[in-house]
Amino acid sequence: MSLIRIIPLQFTQVDILEKLLPLISSRIQMETRLIQVHIDLTPFFDPVRSQYNANEIIKELVPLAHGEDKIVGVTDLDLFIPVLKYIFGQAYLGGSAALISGHRLESSRYGMVDDPKVFFERLLKSILHELGHAFGLVHCLQPSCIMVSSTYVEEIDQKSDLFCKQCRSELRLLKM
């Protein structure tokens, strides 16, 4: 049986990940587990940007997947890919691995008071969005769908944590 494995990678709020497991499992309709794996992320730090290269980190996650499993690394580190200043997350389209950063999901990064509920919702939406890509879903044009592209944190806040009817249907087919 395939599963989704969530791996904290220098992520301090593991208790939040544990609370997310049943929600992720229910939205994707797959068993979801939290596992502990140590990956040294130090080599992926870019001193010029003061960020971590998501492309290189995600390559480390791929070998951890077995069969049809999906691996999601979650970190507090600030991530980038060479063509963007920062990212909330990344996944191999139709692949086995995804990577999420909580770094820019905290309201304090934008001069506001941190709200644990808002952070929780943003993290859930980011994980579900990247898992959608890992299963092969592309960006959706339905404004409330979890698969809508998000460049800014406000865009994450505006969308739902659910797949629209079309994406839900496609996801079901892709999982077969």
Protein backbone atom coordinates (compact mmCIF):
# COMPACT_ATOMS: atom_id res chain seq x y z
CA MET A 1 0.00 0.00 0.00
CA SER A 2 1.34 3.44 -0.95
CA LEU A 3 1.77 6.16 1.61
CA ILE A 4 2.66 9.76 2.06
CA ARG A 5 5.64 10.30 4.33
CA ILE A 6 6.18 13.69 5.89
CA ILE A 7 9.78 14.33 6.95
CA PRO A 8 10.74 17.28 9.17
CA LEU A 9 14.04 18.72 7.88
CA GLN A 10 15.25 21.27 10.40
CA PHE A 11 11.58 22.00 11.15
CA THR A 12 10.99 22.90 14.78
CA GLN A 13 7.20 22.60 14.97
CA VAL A 14 6.81 18.83 14.58
CA ASP A 15 3.64 18.94 16.70
CA ILE A 16 1.96 20.93 13.91
CA LEU A 17 2.95 18.28 11.37
CA GLU A 18 1.38 15.60 13.58
CA LYS A 19 -1.88 17.59 13.62
CA LEU A 20 -1.76 17.94 9.82
CA LEU A 21 -1.46 14.19 9.16
CA PRO A 22 -5.19 13.33 9.33
CA LEU A 23 -6.13 16.34 7.19
CA ILE A 24 -3.58 15.46 4.51
CA SER A 25 -4.66 11.83 4.61
CA SER A 26 -8.33 12.76 4.21
CA ARG A 27 -7.76 15.23 1.33
CA ILE A 28 -5.47 12.89 -0.65
CA GLN A 29 -7.15 9.65 0.48
CA MET A 30 -3.86 7.99 1.41
CA GLU A 31 -2.29 6.97 4.67
CA THR A 32 0.07 9.69 5.84
CA ARG A 33 2.88 9.19 8.35
CA LEU A 34 5.50 11.35 9.98
CA ILE A 35 8.98 9.83 9.81
CA GLN A 36 12.33 11.00 11.08
CA VAL A 37 15.26 11.00 8.67
CA HIS A 38 18.40 13.06 9.07
CA ILE A 39 19.64 14.90 5.99
CA ASP A 40 22.42 17.43 6.42
CA LEU A 41 21.19 20.54 4.62
CA THR A 42 24.38 22.54 5.19
CA PRO A 43 25.84 21.78 1.73
CA PHE A 44 22.76 23.31 0.09
CA PHE A 45 23.20 26.76 1.64
CA ASP A 46 24.03 29.50 -0.85
CA PRO A 47 26.00 32.19 1.02
CA VAL A 48 25.41 34.79 -1.71
CA ARG A 49 21.64 34.48 -1.34
CA SER A 50 21.57 33.41 2.34
CA GLN A 51 19.07 30.75 1.31
CA TYR A 52 18.96 27.03 0.64
CA ASN A 53 18.77 25.55 -2.86
CA ALA A 54 15.51 23.61 -3.07
CA ASN A 55 16.55 21.83 -6.27
CA GLU A 56 19.46 20.19 -4.47
CA ILE A 57 17.49 19.32 -1.32
CA ILE A 58 14.65 17.67 -3.20
CA LYS A 59 17.16 15.40 -4.97
CA GLU A 60 18.06 14.04 -1.53
CA LEU A 61 14.41 13.15 -0.87
CA VAL A 62 13.77 11.12 -4.03
CA PRO A 63 15.74 8.00 -2.96
CA LEU A 64 13.68 7.84 0.25
CA ALA A 65 10.48 7.03 -1.67
CA HIS A 66 9.51 3.43 -2.20
CA GLY A 67 7.26 2.37 -5.07
CA GLU A 68 4.31 4.75 -5.30
CA ASP A 69 5.08 6.52 -2.01
CA LYS A 70 5.26 10.30 -1.87
CA ILE A 71 7.85 12.03 0.31
CA VAL A 72 7.33 15.57 1.60
CA GLY A 73 10.21 17.31 3.32
CA VAL A 74 9.17 20.23 5.52
CA THR A 75 11.71 22.78 6.71
CA ASP A 76 11.94 26.16 8.43
CA LEU A 77 14.74 27.18 6.08
CA ASP A 78 14.34 29.85 3.41
CA LEU A 79 14.28 28.11 0.02
CA PHE A 80 15.00 29.27 -3.50
CA ILE A 81 15.37 27.91 -6.97
CA PRO A 82 17.75 29.72 -9.32
CA VAL A 83 14.99 31.39 -11.35
CA LEU A 84 13.01 32.72 -8.34
CA LYS A 85 13.88 34.85 -5.31
CA TYR A 86 12.09 32.44 -2.97
CA ILE A 87 9.59 29.59 -3.00
CA PHE A 88 7.02 28.22 -0.57
CA GLY A 89 7.46 24.74 -1.96
CA GLN A 90 8.43 22.61 -4.89
CA ALA A 91 7.64 19.14 -6.24
CA TYR A 92 8.63 16.95 -9.13
CA LEU A 93 5.56 16.90 -11.37
CA GLY A 94 4.32 13.33 -11.30
CA GLY A 95 7.31 12.38 -9.18
CA SER A 96 7.90 11.05 -5.71
CA ALA A 97 9.18 14.06 -3.78
CA ALA A 98 8.06 17.47 -2.61
CA LEU A 99 9.63 20.10 -0.38
CA ILE A 100 7.89 22.79 1.69
CA SER A 101 9.30 25.73 3.60
CA GLY A 102 7.46 27.28 6.54
CA HIS A 103 9.96 30.16 6.54
CA ARG A 104 7.80 32.62 4.58
CA LEU A 105 4.49 31.33 5.93
CA GLU A 106 4.91 33.09 9.29
CA SER A 107 3.02 36.39 9.52
CA SER A 108 5.93 38.00 11.39
CA ARG A 109 7.94 37.93 8.14
CA TYR A 110 5.49 40.53 6.85
CA GLY A 111 5.41 42.79 9.91
CA MET A 112 2.28 41.24 11.44
CA VAL A 113 1.69 39.30 14.63
CA ASP A 114 2.13 35.56 14.21
CA ASP A 115 -1.10 33.61 14.29
CA PRO A 116 -0.66 29.85 14.83
CA LYS A 117 -3.98 29.11 13.08
CA VAL A 118 -2.97 31.08 9.97
CA PHE A 119 0.45 29.37 9.90
CA PHE A 120 -1.24 25.96 10.25
CA GLU A 121 -3.59 26.70 7.33
CA ARG A 122 -0.78 28.02 5.13
CA LEU A 123 1.36 24.98 5.83
CA LEU A 124 -1.54 22.61 5.09
CA LYS A 125 -2.31 24.38 1.81
CA SER A 126 1.36 24.38 0.78
CA ILE A 127 1.75 20.66 1.48
CA LEU A 128 -1.46 19.75 -0.36
CA HIS A 129 -0.54 21.94 -3.33
CA GLU A 130 2.89 20.34 -3.74
CA LEU A 131 1.47 16.85 -3.23
CA GLY A 132 -0.98 17.64 -6.03
CA HIS A 133 2.00 18.36 -8.28
CA ALA A 134 3.75 15.19 -7.11
CA PHE A 135 0.71 13.23 -8.25
CA GLY A 136 0.79 15.02 -11.62
CA LEU A 137 -1.70 17.88 -11.19
CA VAL A 138 -0.82 21.19 -12.83
CA HIS A 139 -1.95 24.66 -11.73
CA CYS A 140 -5.70 25.20 -11.78
CA LEU A 141 -7.66 28.30 -12.79
CA GLN A 142 -10.51 27.79 -10.29
CA PRO A 143 -9.89 30.65 -7.80
CA SER A 144 -10.54 28.65 -4.64
CA CYS A 145 -8.79 25.39 -5.67
CA ILE A 146 -5.71 24.36 -3.72
CA MET A 147 -3.91 23.95 -7.07
CA VAL A 148 -4.06 27.68 -7.90
CA SER A 149 -0.53 29.07 -8.21
CA SER A 150 0.63 31.18 -5.24
CA THR A 151 3.46 33.66 -5.59
CA TYR A 152 2.60 35.64 -2.46
CA VAL A 153 1.44 34.50 0.95
CA GLU A 154 -1.79 36.48 0.51
CA GLU A 155 -2.63 34.23 -2.43
CA ILE A 156 -2.23 31.19 -0.21
CA ASP A 157 -4.64 32.78 2.28
CA GLN A 158 -7.26 33.41 -0.42
CA LYS A 159 -7.54 29.86 -1.69
CA SER A 160 -9.27 26.92 -0.08
CA ASP A 161 -7.52 23.86 1.33
CA LEU A 162 -9.59 21.65 -0.98
CA PHE A 163 -9.16 20.41 -4.51
CA CYS A 164 -11.85 21.65 -6.90
CA LYS A 165 -14.14 19.03 -8.46
CA GLN A 166 -11.99 18.76 -11.62
CA CYS A 167 -8.67 18.44 -9.75
CA ARG A 168 -10.19 15.94 -7.29
CA SER A 169 -11.37 13.84 -10.23
CA GLU A 170 -7.96 14.06 -11.95
CA LEU A 171 -6.18 13.19 -8.70
CA ARG A 172 -8.32 10.08 -8.31
CA LEU A 173 -7.36 8.97 -11.83
CA LEU A 174 -3.67 9.76 -11.35
CA LYS A 175 -3.53 7.66 -8.19
CA MET A 176 -4.85 4.55 -9.98
